[in-house]
Amino acid sequence: MSGEVRRASRSRSTKESEVTVELVLDGSGQVEADTGLPFFDHMLDQLGRHGGFDLVVRARGDLEVDAHHSVEDVGIVLGGCLGEALGDKAGVRRFANTLIPLDEALVEVALDVSGRPFLAYDVPFAPDTPGLGSPPFDPQLAEEFWRALVGGAGLTLHVSLRHGRNTHHILEASFKAVARALKDALRREGGDVPSTKGSL
């Protein structure tokens, strides 16, 4: 139904992490993120604010080992919430693309709410690129986050770096770009499922 608020909440607990996510797609960009990784919290804030989602993320993981488990598991749970909140995807615009600058960085994103998980990620960082924040967020982990998210949400997502030198600017531009593309693709503009198959 066009007036129904699309929302979902999920929790996941493993020996490596505990994650809880609450998501309202038709929100106002209010975000509360507490993952133990301040830079990752900052990126989740960009995702919610620029996507127009209300988002709560709580995560505790084995950061003394590595941030990988926490970041990937947040992606898994958030992706699951996104897929659940979308339901049968009736009326969504489905396709979107955008090009977002942040100072010298320029990131292009294209996505399809396809029901077929696929990630094409061309945002290269040298293996010795320093992490951001404390505890550090390894910039390579952004790819793992997006891969986990598209798996749970059933998205086809392409993220490409056009220009950029500053690690923070590149990552922030990528999160903002995905957020803006999601906001556009998830906008409801009809009542039918946008597929000749009748389902997504």
N, C-alpha and C. Protein backbone atom coordinates (compact mmCIF):
# COMPACT_ATOMS: atom_id res chain seq x y z
N MET A 1 0.84 -1.20 0.00
CA MET A 1 0.00 0.00 0.00
C MET A 1 0.88 1.24 0.00
N SER A 2 0.46 2.26 -0.75
CA SER A 2 1.31 3.42 -0.95
C SER A 2 1.56 4.19 0.34
N GLY A 3 0.60 4.17 1.29
CA GLY A 3 0.77 4.94 2.50
C GLY A 3 1.45 4.18 3.63
N GLU A 4 1.73 2.92 3.44
CA GLU A 4 2.30 2.09 4.49
C GLU A 4 3.77 2.44 4.72
N VAL A 5 4.15 2.62 5.97
CA VAL A 5 5.53 2.90 6.30
C VAL A 5 6.34 1.61 6.21
N ARG A 6 7.40 1.66 5.45
CA ARG A 6 8.23 0.47 5.25
C ARG A 6 9.31 0.43 6.33
N ARG A 7 9.27 -0.61 7.15
CA ARG A 7 10.18 -0.71 8.28
C ARG A 7 10.52 -2.15 8.57
N ALA A 8 11.63 -2.35 9.29
CA ALA A 8 12.03 -3.69 9.72
C ALA A 8 13.05 -3.55 10.83
N SER A 9 13.16 -4.59 11.65
CA SER A 9 14.20 -4.65 12.68
C SER A 9 14.69 -6.09 12.78
N ARG A 10 15.99 -6.23 13.01
CA ARG A 10 16.59 -7.55 13.10
C ARG A 10 17.76 -7.53 14.07
N SER A 11 18.04 -8.71 14.60
CA SER A 11 19.22 -8.91 15.45
C SER A 11 19.95 -10.15 15.00
N ARG A 12 21.26 -10.16 15.24
CA ARG A 12 22.09 -11.31 14.88
C ARG A 12 23.19 -11.44 15.93
N SER A 13 23.36 -12.65 16.44
CA SER A 13 24.36 -12.88 17.47
C SER A 13 25.22 -14.08 17.08
N THR A 14 26.53 -13.87 17.07
CA THR A 14 27.48 -14.95 16.80
C THR A 14 28.59 -14.86 17.85
N LYS A 15 29.56 -15.76 17.76
CA LYS A 15 30.71 -15.70 18.66
C LYS A 15 31.60 -14.49 18.35
N GLU A 16 31.37 -13.87 17.19
CA GLU A 16 32.22 -12.75 16.77
C GLU A 16 31.57 -11.39 16.96
N SER A 17 30.23 -11.35 16.96
CA SER A 17 29.57 -10.05 17.08
C SER A 17 28.12 -10.21 17.51
N GLU A 18 27.58 -9.10 18.02
CA GLU A 18 26.15 -8.97 18.29
C GLU A 18 25.68 -7.68 17.63
N VAL A 19 24.68 -7.80 16.76
CA VAL A 19 24.22 -6.66 15.97
C VAL A 19 22.71 -6.55 16.04
N THR A 20 22.23 -5.33 16.26
CA THR A 20 20.80 -5.03 16.20
C THR A 20 20.61 -3.82 15.30
N VAL A 21 19.64 -3.92 14.39
CA VAL A 21 19.36 -2.83 13.46
C VAL A 21 17.86 -2.57 13.43
N GLU A 22 17.49 -1.29 13.45
CA GLU A 22 16.12 -0.85 13.23
C GLU A 22 16.14 0.11 12.05
N LEU A 23 15.26 -0.11 11.07
CA LEU A 23 15.27 0.67 9.84
C LEU A 23 13.86 1.10 9.48
N VAL A 24 13.70 2.38 9.18
CA VAL A 24 12.46 2.92 8.61
C VAL A 24 12.84 3.59 7.31
N LEU A 25 12.41 3.01 6.19
CA LEU A 25 12.78 3.57 4.89
C LEU A 25 12.16 4.93 4.66
N ASP A 26 10.93 5.10 5.09
CA ASP A 26 10.23 6.36 4.87
C ASP A 26 10.37 7.23 6.10
N GLY A 27 11.62 7.60 6.39
CA GLY A 27 11.91 8.36 7.60
C GLY A 27 12.34 9.78 7.29
N SER A 28 13.12 10.34 8.21
CA SER A 28 13.57 11.72 8.05
C SER A 28 15.08 11.86 8.20
N GLY A 29 15.80 10.73 8.13
CA GLY A 29 17.25 10.78 8.19
C GLY A 29 17.82 10.83 9.59
N GLN A 30 17.06 10.35 10.56
CA GLN A 30 17.54 10.31 11.94
C GLN A 30 18.35 9.03 12.15
N VAL A 31 19.58 9.16 12.62
CA VAL A 31 20.47 8.02 12.74
C VAL A 31 21.11 7.95 14.11
N GLU A 32 21.12 6.75 14.67
CA GLU A 32 21.89 6.45 15.88
C GLU A 32 22.75 5.24 15.57
N ALA A 33 24.06 5.43 15.53
CA ALA A 33 24.97 4.33 15.20
C ALA A 33 26.02 4.21 16.29
N ASP A 34 26.17 3.01 16.82
CA ASP A 34 27.16 2.74 17.85
C ASP A 34 27.73 1.35 17.60
N THR A 35 28.85 1.32 16.88
CA THR A 35 29.46 0.05 16.50
C THR A 35 30.81 -0.19 17.17
N GLY A 36 31.29 0.80 17.93
CA GLY A 36 32.64 0.71 18.47
C GLY A 36 33.70 1.19 17.50
N LEU A 37 33.28 1.58 16.29
CA LEU A 37 34.17 2.10 15.25
C LEU A 37 33.66 3.48 14.84
N PRO A 38 34.21 4.54 15.42
CA PRO A 38 33.67 5.89 15.18
C PRO A 38 33.59 6.28 13.71
N PHE A 39 34.58 5.90 12.91
CA PHE A 39 34.51 6.27 11.50
C PHE A 39 33.37 5.53 10.80
N PHE A 40 33.18 4.26 11.12
CA PHE A 40 32.08 3.49 10.54
C PHE A 40 30.74 4.08 10.97
N ASP A 41 30.63 4.50 12.23
CA ASP A 41 29.42 5.18 12.69
C ASP A 41 29.15 6.42 11.84
N HIS A 42 30.21 7.16 11.53
CA HIS A 42 30.09 8.36 10.70
C HIS A 42 29.57 8.01 9.31
N MET A 43 30.04 6.90 8.74
CA MET A 43 29.57 6.47 7.42
C MET A 43 28.11 6.01 7.46
N LEU A 44 27.73 5.29 8.51
CA LEU A 44 26.33 4.87 8.64
C LEU A 44 25.43 6.09 8.79
N ASP A 45 25.92 7.11 9.45
CA ASP A 45 25.17 8.35 9.58
C ASP A 45 24.95 8.98 8.20
N GLN A 46 25.97 8.97 7.37
CA GLN A 46 25.82 9.49 6.00
C GLN A 46 24.78 8.69 5.22
N LEU A 47 24.82 7.37 5.39
CA LEU A 47 23.90 6.50 4.67
C LEU A 47 22.45 6.81 5.04
N GLY A 48 22.18 6.94 6.33
CA GLY A 48 20.82 7.21 6.76
C GLY A 48 20.36 8.61 6.42
N ARG A 49 21.20 9.59 6.70
CA ARG A 49 20.79 10.98 6.49
C ARG A 49 20.55 11.29 5.02
N HIS A 50 21.46 10.86 4.15
CA HIS A 50 21.32 11.17 2.73
C HIS A 50 20.34 10.23 2.04
N GLY A 51 20.06 9.08 2.64
CA GLY A 51 19.05 8.19 2.09
C GLY A 51 17.64 8.49 2.58
N GLY A 52 17.55 9.36 3.60
CA GLY A 52 16.23 9.67 4.17
C GLY A 52 15.66 8.56 5.01
N PHE A 53 16.56 7.70 5.56
CA PHE A 53 16.11 6.60 6.41
C PHE A 53 16.23 6.98 7.88
N ASP A 54 15.36 6.45 8.71
CA ASP A 54 15.59 6.44 10.14
C ASP A 54 16.30 5.12 10.44
N LEU A 55 17.44 5.22 11.10
CA LEU A 55 18.30 4.05 11.25
C LEU A 55 18.91 4.01 12.64
N VAL A 56 18.80 2.86 13.28
CA VAL A 56 19.47 2.60 14.56
C VAL A 56 20.34 1.36 14.37
N VAL A 57 21.62 1.48 14.67
CA VAL A 57 22.55 0.36 14.57
C VAL A 57 23.32 0.24 15.87
N ARG A 58 23.23 -0.92 16.50
CA ARG A 58 24.02 -1.23 17.70
C ARG A 58 24.84 -2.47 17.40
N ALA A 59 26.13 -2.39 17.61
CA ALA A 59 26.98 -3.55 17.33
C ALA A 59 28.11 -3.64 18.34
N ARG A 60 28.38 -4.86 18.76
CA ARG A 60 29.54 -5.16 19.60
C ARG A 60 30.24 -6.35 18.99
N GLY A 61 31.52 -6.18 18.69
CA GLY A 61 32.25 -7.26 18.05
C GLY A 61 33.65 -7.40 18.61
N ASP A 62 34.36 -8.37 18.08
CA ASP A 62 35.71 -8.66 18.56
C ASP A 62 36.73 -7.72 17.91
N LEU A 63 36.62 -6.43 18.24
CA LEU A 63 37.49 -5.43 17.64
C LEU A 63 38.94 -5.62 18.03
N GLU A 64 39.18 -6.33 19.12
CA GLU A 64 40.56 -6.62 19.50
C GLU A 64 41.22 -7.57 18.51
N VAL A 65 40.40 -8.32 17.78
CA VAL A 65 40.92 -9.21 16.73
C VAL A 65 41.04 -8.44 15.42
N ASP A 66 39.91 -7.82 15.02
CA ASP A 66 39.85 -7.12 13.74
C ASP A 66 38.47 -6.49 13.64
N ALA A 67 38.35 -5.43 12.85
CA ALA A 67 37.04 -4.80 12.66
C ALA A 67 36.19 -5.51 11.61
N HIS A 68 36.77 -6.46 10.92
CA HIS A 68 36.09 -7.11 9.80
C HIS A 68 34.75 -7.72 10.19
N HIS A 69 34.74 -8.48 11.29
CA HIS A 69 33.51 -9.17 11.68
C HIS A 69 32.38 -8.18 11.97
N SER A 70 32.69 -7.12 12.69
CA SER A 70 31.66 -6.14 13.04
C SER A 70 31.09 -5.47 11.80
N VAL A 71 31.97 -5.04 10.90
CA VAL A 71 31.53 -4.32 9.70
C VAL A 71 30.71 -5.23 8.79
N GLU A 72 31.20 -6.42 8.53
CA GLU A 72 30.48 -7.35 7.67
C GLU A 72 29.13 -7.73 8.28
N ASP A 73 29.10 -7.99 9.58
CA ASP A 73 27.86 -8.42 10.21
C ASP A 73 26.82 -7.30 10.25
N VAL A 74 27.26 -6.06 10.41
CA VAL A 74 26.32 -4.94 10.30
C VAL A 74 25.73 -4.90 8.89
N GLY A 75 26.57 -5.14 7.88
CA GLY A 75 26.06 -5.18 6.52
C GLY A 75 25.04 -6.28 6.30
N ILE A 76 25.31 -7.44 6.89
CA ILE A 76 24.37 -8.57 6.75
C ILE A 76 23.01 -8.22 7.36
N VAL A 77 23.02 -7.67 8.57
CA VAL A 77 21.76 -7.38 9.26
C VAL A 77 21.04 -6.20 8.62
N LEU A 78 21.78 -5.16 8.26
CA LEU A 78 21.15 -4.01 7.61
C LEU A 78 20.58 -4.41 6.25
N GLY A 79 21.31 -5.23 5.51
CA GLY A 79 20.79 -5.69 4.23
C GLY A 79 19.51 -6.50 4.39
N GLY A 80 19.48 -7.36 5.42
CA GLY A 80 18.27 -8.13 5.69
C GLY A 80 17.09 -7.24 6.04
N CYS A 81 17.35 -6.20 6.82
CA CYS A 81 16.28 -5.25 7.16
C CYS A 81 15.78 -4.52 5.91
N LEU A 82 16.70 -4.13 5.06
CA LEU A 82 16.32 -3.42 3.84
C LEU A 82 15.45 -4.30 2.96
N GLY A 83 15.86 -5.56 2.79
CA GLY A 83 15.07 -6.47 1.98
C GLY A 83 13.69 -6.71 2.57
N GLU A 84 13.63 -6.87 3.89
CA GLU A 84 12.34 -7.10 4.55
C GLU A 84 11.43 -5.88 4.44
N ALA A 85 12.00 -4.71 4.66
CA ALA A 85 11.19 -3.48 4.61
C ALA A 85 10.62 -3.23 3.22
N LEU A 86 11.35 -3.65 2.19
CA LEU A 86 10.88 -3.44 0.82
C LEU A 86 9.72 -4.36 0.45
N GLY A 87 9.60 -5.49 1.12
CA GLY A 87 8.49 -6.40 0.83
C GLY A 87 8.50 -6.85 -0.62
N ASP A 88 7.35 -6.74 -1.30
CA ASP A 88 7.27 -7.19 -2.70
C ASP A 88 7.75 -6.13 -3.68
N LYS A 89 8.20 -4.98 -3.16
CA LYS A 89 8.78 -3.89 -3.96
C LYS A 89 7.77 -3.22 -4.89
N ALA A 90 6.50 -3.43 -4.65
CA ALA A 90 5.48 -2.83 -5.50
C ALA A 90 5.60 -1.31 -5.50
N GLY A 91 5.62 -0.74 -6.69
CA GLY A 91 5.61 0.71 -6.85
C GLY A 91 6.95 1.40 -6.80
N VAL A 92 8.02 0.68 -6.44
CA VAL A 92 9.31 1.37 -6.34
C VAL A 92 9.83 1.75 -7.72
N ARG A 93 10.65 2.79 -7.77
CA ARG A 93 11.22 3.24 -9.04
C ARG A 93 12.19 2.20 -9.60
N ARG A 94 12.88 1.49 -8.75
CA ARG A 94 13.76 0.35 -9.02
C ARG A 94 15.17 0.74 -9.43
N PHE A 95 15.36 1.50 -10.47
CA PHE A 95 16.70 1.84 -10.96
C PHE A 95 17.10 3.25 -10.52
N ALA A 96 18.39 3.44 -10.27
CA ALA A 96 18.88 4.79 -9.97
C ALA A 96 20.38 4.84 -10.17
N ASN A 97 20.86 6.03 -10.46
CA ASN A 97 22.30 6.26 -10.52
C ASN A 97 22.59 7.69 -10.09
N THR A 98 23.82 7.91 -9.65
CA THR A 98 24.20 9.24 -9.21
C THR A 98 25.71 9.39 -9.27
N LEU A 99 26.15 10.63 -9.26
CA LEU A 99 27.57 10.97 -9.27
C LEU A 99 27.76 12.02 -8.18
N ILE A 100 28.51 11.66 -7.13
CA ILE A 100 28.63 12.52 -5.95
C ILE A 100 30.08 12.96 -5.76
N PRO A 101 30.30 14.29 -5.65
CA PRO A 101 31.64 14.79 -5.34
C PRO A 101 31.79 15.10 -3.86
N LEU A 102 33.00 14.98 -3.37
CA LEU A 102 33.37 15.52 -2.06
C LEU A 102 34.80 16.03 -2.19
N ASP A 103 34.92 17.34 -2.35
CA ASP A 103 36.20 17.97 -2.65
C ASP A 103 36.83 17.31 -3.88
N GLU A 104 38.01 16.72 -3.75
CA GLU A 104 38.67 16.15 -4.92
C GLU A 104 38.13 14.78 -5.32
N ALA A 105 37.32 14.16 -4.45
CA ALA A 105 36.80 12.82 -4.70
C ALA A 105 35.50 12.88 -5.50
N LEU A 106 35.35 11.94 -6.41
CA LEU A 106 34.14 11.84 -7.22
C LEU A 106 33.80 10.36 -7.37
N VAL A 107 32.61 9.97 -6.92
CA VAL A 107 32.19 8.56 -6.92
C VAL A 107 30.89 8.41 -7.69
N GLU A 108 30.84 7.40 -8.54
CA GLU A 108 29.65 7.09 -9.32
C GLU A 108 29.01 5.80 -8.79
N VAL A 109 27.69 5.83 -8.66
CA VAL A 109 26.93 4.66 -8.19
C VAL A 109 25.75 4.43 -9.12
N ALA A 110 25.52 3.17 -9.46
CA ALA A 110 24.31 2.76 -10.16
C ALA A 110 23.77 1.53 -9.45
N LEU A 111 22.45 1.46 -9.29
CA LEU A 111 21.88 0.30 -8.61
C LEU A 111 20.53 -0.08 -9.18
N ASP A 112 20.20 -1.33 -8.93
CA ASP A 112 18.94 -1.92 -9.36
C ASP A 112 18.39 -2.73 -8.19
N VAL A 113 17.17 -2.42 -7.80
CA VAL A 113 16.50 -3.21 -6.75
C VAL A 113 15.97 -4.47 -7.42
N SER A 114 16.89 -5.33 -7.77
CA SER A 114 16.63 -6.41 -8.73
C SER A 114 16.18 -7.72 -8.11
N GLY A 115 16.49 -7.92 -6.82
CA GLY A 115 16.29 -9.23 -6.21
C GLY A 115 17.45 -10.16 -6.49
N ARG A 116 18.44 -9.68 -7.25
CA ARG A 116 19.63 -10.48 -7.59
C ARG A 116 20.86 -9.81 -7.01
N PRO A 117 21.42 -10.35 -5.94
CA PRO A 117 22.57 -9.70 -5.30
C PRO A 117 23.81 -9.72 -6.19
N PHE A 118 24.37 -8.55 -6.42
CA PHE A 118 25.61 -8.46 -7.18
C PHE A 118 26.30 -7.15 -6.83
N LEU A 119 27.60 -7.22 -6.59
CA LEU A 119 28.39 -6.02 -6.28
C LEU A 119 29.54 -5.91 -7.27
N ALA A 120 29.63 -4.76 -7.92
CA ALA A 120 30.82 -4.40 -8.70
C ALA A 120 31.42 -3.19 -8.01
N TYR A 121 32.59 -3.37 -7.42
CA TYR A 121 33.18 -2.33 -6.57
C TYR A 121 34.57 -2.00 -7.10
N ASP A 122 34.72 -0.80 -7.62
CA ASP A 122 35.99 -0.35 -8.16
C ASP A 122 36.42 0.92 -7.44
N VAL A 123 36.79 0.75 -6.18
CA VAL A 123 37.28 1.84 -5.35
C VAL A 123 38.59 1.36 -4.72
N PRO A 124 39.67 1.42 -5.47
CA PRO A 124 40.91 0.80 -5.01
C PRO A 124 41.64 1.61 -3.95
N PHE A 125 42.17 0.88 -2.97
CA PHE A 125 43.06 1.45 -1.96
C PHE A 125 44.29 0.56 -1.88
N ALA A 126 45.44 1.16 -1.68
CA ALA A 126 46.66 0.37 -1.48
C ALA A 126 46.54 -0.44 -0.19
N PRO A 127 47.08 -1.66 -0.16
CA PRO A 127 46.97 -2.51 1.04
C PRO A 127 47.49 -1.85 2.31
N ASP A 128 48.44 -0.91 2.18
CA ASP A 128 49.02 -0.27 3.37
C ASP A 128 48.36 1.08 3.68
N THR A 129 47.18 1.36 3.08
CA THR A 129 46.48 2.60 3.39
C THR A 129 46.08 2.61 4.86
N PRO A 130 46.44 3.66 5.60
CA PRO A 130 46.12 3.68 7.03
C PRO A 130 44.62 3.66 7.29
N GLY A 131 44.23 3.02 8.39
CA GLY A 131 42.84 3.03 8.80
C GLY A 131 42.43 4.39 9.32
N LEU A 132 41.13 4.60 9.43
CA LEU A 132 40.58 5.88 9.87
C LEU A 132 39.90 5.72 11.22
N GLY A 133 40.17 6.64 12.13
CA GLY A 133 39.55 6.62 13.45
C GLY A 133 40.28 5.71 14.40
N SER A 134 39.73 5.58 15.60
CA SER A 134 40.31 4.75 16.65
C SER A 134 39.19 4.11 17.47
N PRO A 135 39.10 2.76 17.42
CA PRO A 135 39.91 1.80 16.66
C PRO A 135 39.80 2.08 15.16
N PRO A 136 40.84 1.71 14.39
CA PRO A 136 40.86 2.09 12.98
C PRO A 136 39.88 1.30 12.12
N PHE A 137 39.30 2.02 11.16
CA PHE A 137 38.46 1.41 10.13
C PHE A 137 39.32 1.26 8.89
N ASP A 138 39.65 0.02 8.52
CA ASP A 138 40.43 -0.26 7.33
C ASP A 138 39.56 0.07 6.11
N PRO A 139 40.01 0.95 5.22
CA PRO A 139 39.17 1.33 4.07
C PRO A 139 38.78 0.16 3.18
N GLN A 140 39.56 -0.94 3.22
CA GLN A 140 39.20 -2.12 2.44
C GLN A 140 37.88 -2.74 2.93
N LEU A 141 37.51 -2.44 4.18
CA LEU A 141 36.30 -3.04 4.75
C LEU A 141 35.01 -2.49 4.14
N ALA A 142 35.09 -1.34 3.50
CA ALA A 142 33.88 -0.79 2.88
C ALA A 142 33.33 -1.76 1.84
N GLU A 143 34.21 -2.38 1.08
CA GLU A 143 33.76 -3.35 0.07
C GLU A 143 33.05 -4.53 0.73
N GLU A 144 33.58 -5.00 1.86
CA GLU A 144 32.95 -6.11 2.56
C GLU A 144 31.57 -5.72 3.09
N PHE A 145 31.43 -4.48 3.55
CA PHE A 145 30.14 -3.99 4.02
C PHE A 145 29.12 -3.99 2.89
N TRP A 146 29.50 -3.43 1.74
CA TRP A 146 28.55 -3.36 0.63
C TRP A 146 28.19 -4.75 0.12
N ARG A 147 29.17 -5.66 0.07
CA ARG A 147 28.89 -7.02 -0.40
C ARG A 147 27.87 -7.70 0.52
N ALA A 148 28.05 -7.53 1.83
CA ALA A 148 27.11 -8.12 2.78
C ALA A 148 25.73 -7.49 2.65
N LEU A 149 25.69 -6.18 2.46
CA LEU A 149 24.40 -5.48 2.37
C LEU A 149 23.63 -5.90 1.12
N VAL A 150 24.29 -5.95 -0.03
CA VAL A 150 23.56 -6.32 -1.24
C VAL A 150 23.09 -7.77 -1.18
N GLY A 151 23.85 -8.61 -0.47
CA GLY A 151 23.43 -10.00 -0.32
C GLY A 151 22.12 -10.12 0.44
N GLY A 152 21.98 -9.34 1.51
CA GLY A 152 20.77 -9.39 2.30
C GLY A 152 19.59 -8.67 1.66
N ALA A 153 19.88 -7.59 0.93
CA ALA A 153 18.81 -6.76 0.37
C ALA A 153 18.41 -7.18 -1.04
N GLY A 154 19.24 -7.97 -1.71
CA GLY A 154 18.93 -8.36 -3.08
C GLY A 154 19.10 -7.22 -4.06
N LEU A 155 20.19 -6.48 -3.93
CA LEU A 155 20.47 -5.35 -4.80
C LEU A 155 21.58 -5.69 -5.79
N THR A 156 21.50 -5.08 -6.96
CA THR A 156 22.64 -5.02 -7.87
C THR A 156 23.24 -3.63 -7.70
N LEU A 157 24.51 -3.58 -7.30
CA LEU A 157 25.14 -2.31 -6.93
C LEU A 157 26.50 -2.18 -7.61
N HIS A 158 26.69 -1.06 -8.30
CA HIS A 158 27.98 -0.72 -8.90
C HIS A 158 28.49 0.56 -8.25
N VAL A 159 29.69 0.52 -7.72
CA VAL A 159 30.32 1.68 -7.08
C VAL A 159 31.68 1.87 -7.74
N SER A 160 31.91 3.05 -8.31
CA SER A 160 33.16 3.30 -9.05
C SER A 160 33.76 4.64 -8.64
N LEU A 161 35.04 4.64 -8.39
CA LEU A 161 35.77 5.86 -8.09
C LEU A 161 36.21 6.51 -9.40
N ARG A 162 35.76 7.73 -9.63
CA ARG A 162 36.19 8.48 -10.81
C ARG A 162 37.49 9.23 -10.54
N HIS A 163 37.54 9.93 -9.38
CA HIS A 163 38.71 10.68 -8.98
C HIS A 163 38.80 10.65 -7.46
N GLY A 164 40.00 10.85 -6.92
CA GLY A 164 40.13 10.98 -5.48
C GLY A 164 41.50 10.60 -4.97
N ARG A 165 41.92 11.28 -3.91
CA ARG A 165 43.19 10.99 -3.26
C ARG A 165 43.02 10.79 -1.75
N ASN A 166 42.12 11.55 -1.15
CA ASN A 166 41.93 11.52 0.30
C ASN A 166 41.02 10.35 0.68
N THR A 167 41.52 9.46 1.53
CA THR A 167 40.76 8.25 1.90
C THR A 167 39.40 8.59 2.49
N HIS A 168 39.38 9.54 3.41
CA HIS A 168 38.12 9.92 4.06
C HIS A 168 37.13 10.44 3.02
N HIS A 169 37.59 11.32 2.14
CA HIS A 169 36.69 11.90 1.14
C HIS A 169 36.13 10.82 0.20
N ILE A 170 36.98 9.88 -0.20
CA ILE A 170 36.54 8.82 -1.12
C ILE A 170 35.47 7.96 -0.47
N LEU A 171 35.72 7.52 0.77
CA LEU A 171 34.74 6.67 1.44
C LEU A 171 33.45 7.41 1.73
N GLU A 172 33.55 8.65 2.18
CA GLU A 172 32.34 9.40 2.49
C GLU A 172 31.52 9.67 1.22
N ALA A 173 32.21 10.00 0.13
CA ALA A 173 31.49 10.21 -1.13
C ALA A 173 30.78 8.93 -1.58
N SER A 174 31.40 7.76 -1.35
CA SER A 174 30.78 6.51 -1.76
C SER A 174 29.54 6.21 -0.93
N PHE A 175 29.59 6.44 0.38
CA PHE A 175 28.42 6.20 1.21
C PHE A 175 27.29 7.18 0.87
N LYS A 176 27.64 8.43 0.63
CA LYS A 176 26.63 9.40 0.24
C LYS A 176 26.02 9.04 -1.11
N ALA A 177 26.84 8.58 -2.04
CA ALA A 177 26.35 8.24 -3.36
C ALA A 177 25.39 7.05 -3.31
N VAL A 178 25.74 6.01 -2.55
CA VAL A 178 24.83 4.87 -2.41
C VAL A 178 23.53 5.33 -1.75
N ALA A 179 23.64 6.17 -0.74
CA ALA A 179 22.46 6.66 -0.05
C ALA A 179 21.52 7.40 -0.99
N ARG A 180 22.07 8.30 -1.78
CA ARG A 180 21.24 9.08 -2.69
C ARG A 180 20.61 8.20 -3.78
N ALA A 181 21.38 7.22 -4.26
CA ALA A 181 20.82 6.31 -5.25
C ALA A 181 19.71 5.45 -4.66
N LEU A 182 19.91 4.98 -3.43
CA LEU A 182 18.86 4.21 -2.77
C LEU A 182 17.60 5.05 -2.58
N LYS A 183 17.78 6.27 -2.14
CA LYS A 183 16.62 7.14 -1.92
C LYS A 183 15.81 7.28 -3.20
N ASP A 184 16.50 7.41 -4.33
CA ASP A 184 15.84 7.57 -5.61
C ASP A 184 15.18 6.26 -6.06
N ALA A 185 15.94 5.15 -5.96
CA ALA A 185 15.44 3.86 -6.44
C ALA A 185 14.26 3.33 -5.62
N LEU A 186 14.23 3.65 -4.33
CA LEU A 186 13.19 3.12 -3.46
C LEU A 186 11.95 4.01 -3.41
N ARG A 187 12.02 5.14 -4.08
CA ARG A 187 10.87 6.05 -4.11
C ARG A 187 9.69 5.37 -4.80
N ARG A 188 8.53 5.47 -4.19
CA ARG A 188 7.34 4.84 -4.76
C ARG A 188 6.68 5.79 -5.75
N GLU A 189 6.46 5.31 -6.96
CA GLU A 189 5.85 6.15 -8.00
C GLU A 189 4.73 5.44 -8.73
N GLY A 190 4.27 4.33 -8.18
CA GLY A 190 3.17 3.59 -8.79
C GLY A 190 2.71 2.48 -7.86
N GLY A 191 1.96 1.53 -8.39
CA GLY A 191 1.46 0.45 -7.56
C GLY A 191 1.92 -0.92 -8.01
N ASP A 192 2.50 -0.99 -9.18
CA ASP A 192 2.89 -2.28 -9.74
C ASP A 192 4.35 -2.60 -9.43
N VAL A 193 4.65 -3.89 -9.46
CA VAL A 193 6.05 -4.31 -9.35
C VAL A 193 6.74 -4.00 -10.67
N PRO A 194 7.85 -3.24 -10.66
CA PRO A 194 8.48 -2.78 -11.90
C PRO A 194 9.32 -3.87 -12.57
N SER A 195 8.66 -4.90 -13.06
CA SER A 195 9.34 -6.00 -13.73
C SER A 195 8.37 -6.72 -14.66
N THR A 196 8.84 -7.10 -15.83
CA THR A 196 7.99 -7.85 -16.75
C THR A 196 7.68 -9.24 -16.22
N LYS A 197 8.50 -9.72 -15.26
CA LYS A 197 8.24 -11.04 -14.64
C LYS A 197 7.13 -10.98 -13.62
N GLY A 198 6.81 -9.76 -13.15
CA GLY A 198 5.78 -9.61 -12.13
C GLY A 198 6.27 -9.71 -10.72
N SER A 199 7.59 -9.94 -10.54
CA SER A 199 8.15 -10.01 -9.19
C SER A 199 9.63 -9.64 -9.27
N LEU A 200 10.15 -9.17 -8.15
CA LEU A 200 11.57 -8.84 -8.03
C LEU A 200 12.15 -9.59 -6.87
